[in-house]
PDB file of N, CA and C in Angstrom:
ATOM      1  N   LEU A   1      86.502  86.106  92.784  1.00  0.00           N
ATOM      2  CA  LEU A   1      87.521  86.863  92.048  1.00  0.00           C
ATOM      3  C   LEU A   1      88.764  87.009  92.910  1.00  0.00           C
ATOM      4  N   VAL A   2      89.913  86.861  92.282  1.00  0.00           N
ATOM      5  CA  VAL A   2      91.176  86.964  93.005  1.00  0.00           C
ATOM      6  C   VAL A   2      91.393  88.412  93.434  1.00  0.00           C
ATOM      7  N   ASP A   3      91.848  88.587  94.671  1.00  0.00           N
ATOM      8  CA  ASP A   3      92.046  89.939  95.194  1.00  0.00           C
ATOM      9  C   ASP A   3      93.433  90.458  94.837  1.00  0.00           C
ATOM     10  N   ASP A   4      93.822  90.274  93.585  1.00  0.00           N
ATOM     11  CA  ASP A   4      95.113  90.752  93.100  1.00  0.00           C
ATOM     12  C   ASP A   4      94.883  92.076  92.384  1.00  0.00           C
ATOM     13  N   PRO A   5      95.639  93.115  92.715  1.00  0.00           N
ATOM     14  CA  PRO A   5      95.423  94.440  92.118  1.00  0.00           C
ATOM     15  C   PRO A   5      95.448  94.422  90.597  1.00  0.00           C
ATOM     16  N   SER A   6      96.390  93.683  90.021  1.00  0.00           N
ATOM     17  CA  SER A   6      96.497  93.664  88.559  1.00  0.00           C
ATOM     18  C   SER A   6      95.286  92.975  87.936  1.00  0.00           C
ATOM     19  N   VAL A   7      94.823  91.895  88.556  1.00  0.00           N
ATOM     20  CA  VAL A   7      93.652  91.173  88.051  1.00  0.00           C
ATOM     21  C   VAL A   7      92.411  92.056  88.166  1.00  0.00           C
ATOM     22  N   THR A   8      92.291  92.754  89.285  1.00  0.00           N
ATOM     23  CA  THR A   8      91.155  93.645  89.491  1.00  0.00           C
ATOM     24  C   THR A   8      91.176  94.778  88.485  1.00  0.00           C
ATOM     25  N   CYS A   9      92.375  95.280  88.178  1.00  0.00           N
ATOM     26  CA  CYS A   9      92.516  96.375  87.221  1.00  0.00           C
ATOM     27  C   CYS A   9      92.095  95.914  85.831  1.00  0.00           C
ATOM     28  N   ILE A  10      92.540  94.731  85.436  1.00  0.00           N
ATOM     29  CA  ILE A  10      92.190  94.181  84.123  1.00  0.00           C
ATOM     30  C   ILE A  10      90.689  93.917  84.055  1.00  0.00           C
ATOM     31  N   TYR A  11      90.136  93.421  85.163  1.00  0.00           N
ATOM     32  CA  TYR A  11      88.703  93.129  85.208  1.00  0.00           C
ATOM     33  C   TYR A  11      87.886  94.408  85.054  1.00  0.00           C
ATOM     34  N   LYS A  12      88.281  95.450  85.783  1.00  0.00           N
ATOM     35  CA  LYS A  12      87.569  96.725  85.688  1.00  0.00           C
ATOM     36  C   LYS A  12      87.719  97.327  84.301  1.00  0.00           C
ATOM     37  N   TYR A  13      88.915  97.174  83.716  1.00  0.00           N
ATOM     38  CA  TYR A  13      89.163  97.739  82.391  1.00  0.00           C
ATOM     39  C   TYR A  13      88.302  97.052  81.341  1.00  0.00           C
ATOM     40  N   SER A  14      88.251  95.730  81.393  1.00  0.00           N
ATOM     41  CA  SER A  14      87.453  94.982  80.417  1.00  0.00           C
ATOM     42  C   SER A  14      85.964  95.262  80.617  1.00  0.00           C
ATOM     43  N   LEU A  15      85.568  95.458  81.864  1.00  0.00           N
ATOM     44  CA  LEU A  15      84.170  95.754  82.157  1.00  0.00           C
ATOM     45  C   LEU A  15      83.784  97.121  81.605  1.00  0.00           C
ATOM     46  N   SER A  16      84.641  98.116  81.833  1.00  0.00           N
ATOM     47  CA  SER A  16      84.345  99.460  81.328  1.00  0.00           C
ATOM     48  C   SER A  16      84.403  99.487  79.813  1.00  0.00           C
ATOM     49  N   LEU A  17      85.289  98.653  79.249  1.00  0.00           N
ATOM     50  CA  LEU A  17      85.413  98.599  77.795  1.00  0.00           C
ATOM     51  C   LEU A  17      84.151  98.003  77.180  1.00  0.00           C
ATOM     52  N   SER A  18      83.626  96.947  77.781  1.00  0.00           N
ATOM     53  CA  SER A  18      82.409  96.320  77.262  1.00  0.00           C
ATOM     54  C   SER A  18      81.208  97.251  77.437  1.00  0.00           C
ATOM     55  N   LEU A  19      81.189  97.999  78.538  1.00  0.00           N
ATOM     56  CA  LEU A  19      80.114  98.963  78.749  1.00  0.00           C
ATOM     57  C   LEU A  19      80.187 100.076  77.722  1.00  0.00           C
ATOM     58  N   HIS A  20      81.418 100.482  77.386  1.00  0.00           N
ATOM     59  CA  HIS A  20      81.615 101.537  76.389  1.00  0.00           C
ATOM     60  C   HIS A  20      81.157 101.053  75.018  1.00  0.00           C
ATOM     61  N   ASN A  21      81.489  99.815  74.688  1.00  0.00           N
ATOM     62  CA  ASN A  21      81.070  99.245  73.404  1.00  0.00           C
ATOM     63  C   ASN A  21      79.555  99.109  73.345  1.00  0.00           C
ATOM     64  N   LEU A  22      78.963  98.742  74.468  1.00  0.00           N
ATOM     65  CA  LEU A  22      77.513  98.602  74.537  1.00  0.00           C
ATOM     66  C   LEU A  22      76.837  99.955  74.326  1.00  0.00           C
ATOM     67  N   ALA A  23      77.390 100.990  74.940  1.00  0.00           N
ATOM     68  CA  ALA A  23      76.827 102.332  74.796  1.00  0.00           C
ATOM     69  C   ALA A  23      76.971 102.820  73.362  1.00  0.00           C
ATOM     70  N   GLU A  24      78.106 102.513  72.733  1.00  0.00           N
ATOM     71  CA  GLU A  24      78.320 102.957  71.356  1.00  0.00           C
ATOM     72  C   GLU A  24      77.360 102.256  70.405  1.00  0.00           C
ATOM     73  N   SER A  25      77.161 100.959  70.582  1.00  0.00           N
ATOM     74  CA  SER A  25      76.246 100.222  69.707  1.00  0.00           C
ATOM     75  C   SER A  25      74.812 100.703  69.922  1.00  0.00           C
ATOM     76  N   TRP A  26      74.472 101.035  71.171  1.00  0.00           N
ATOM     77  CA  TRP A  26      73.139 101.549  71.475  1.00  0.00           C
ATOM     78  C   TRP A  26      72.941 102.905  70.819  1.00  0.00           C
ATOM     79  N   GLN A  27      73.971 103.756  70.866  1.00  0.00           N
ATOM     80  CA  GLN A  27      73.878 105.083  70.256  1.00  0.00           C
ATOM     81  C   GLN A  27      73.737 104.976  68.746  1.00  0.00           C
ATOM     82  N   SER A  28      74.461 104.045  68.136  1.00  0.00           N
ATOM     83  CA  SER A  28      74.387 103.905  66.681  1.00  0.00           C
ATOM     84  C   SER A  28      73.015 103.373  66.260  1.00  0.00           C
ATOM     85  N   GLU A  29      72.428 102.497  67.073  1.00  0.00           N
ATOM     86  CA  GLU A  29      71.090 101.991  66.761  1.00  0.00           C
ATOM     87  C   GLU A  29      70.058 103.101  66.890  1.00  0.00           C
ATOM     88  N   VAL A  30      70.195 103.937  67.897  1.00  0.00           N
ATOM     89  CA  VAL A  30      69.278 105.063  68.077  1.00  0.00           C
ATOM     90  C   VAL A  30      69.461 106.055  66.938  1.00  0.00           C
ATOM     91  N   ALA A  31      70.707 106.264  66.518  1.00  0.00           N
ATOM     92  CA  ALA A  31      70.987 107.185  65.414  1.00  0.00           C
ATOM     93  C   ALA A  31      70.345 106.670  64.126  1.00  0.00           C
ATOM     94  N   LEU A  32      70.360 105.358  63.935  1.00  0.00           N
ATOM     95  CA  LEU A  32      69.739 104.778  62.741  1.00  0.00           C
ATOM     96  C   LEU A  32      68.228 104.998  62.743  1.00  0.00           C
ATOM     97  N   LEU A  33      67.639 105.024  63.921  1.00  0.00           N
ATOM     98  CA  LEU A  33      66.196 105.239  64.011  1.00  0.00           C
ATOM     99  C   LEU A  33      65.821 106.647  63.569  1.00  0.00           C
ATOM    100  N   TYR A  34      66.731 107.583  63.804  1.00  0.00           N
ATOM    101  CA  TYR A  34      66.411 108.987  63.520  1.00  0.00           C
ATOM    102  C   TYR A  34      66.877 109.434  62.148  1.00  0.00           C
ATOM    103  N   ILE A  35      67.471 108.526  61.380  1.00  0.00           N
ATOM    104  CA  ILE A  35      67.921 108.897  60.039  1.00  0.00           C
ATOM    105  C   ILE A  35      66.725 108.886  59.084  1.00  0.00           C
TER     106      ILE A  35
END
């Protein structure tokens, strides 16, 4: 990975965004189980 601050920032942002989406989809699947 390039040690450029902007690239690292974008990488961290996309990583946290994908983790957030993963958590949301997991929560919705769990919510469906309890309906």
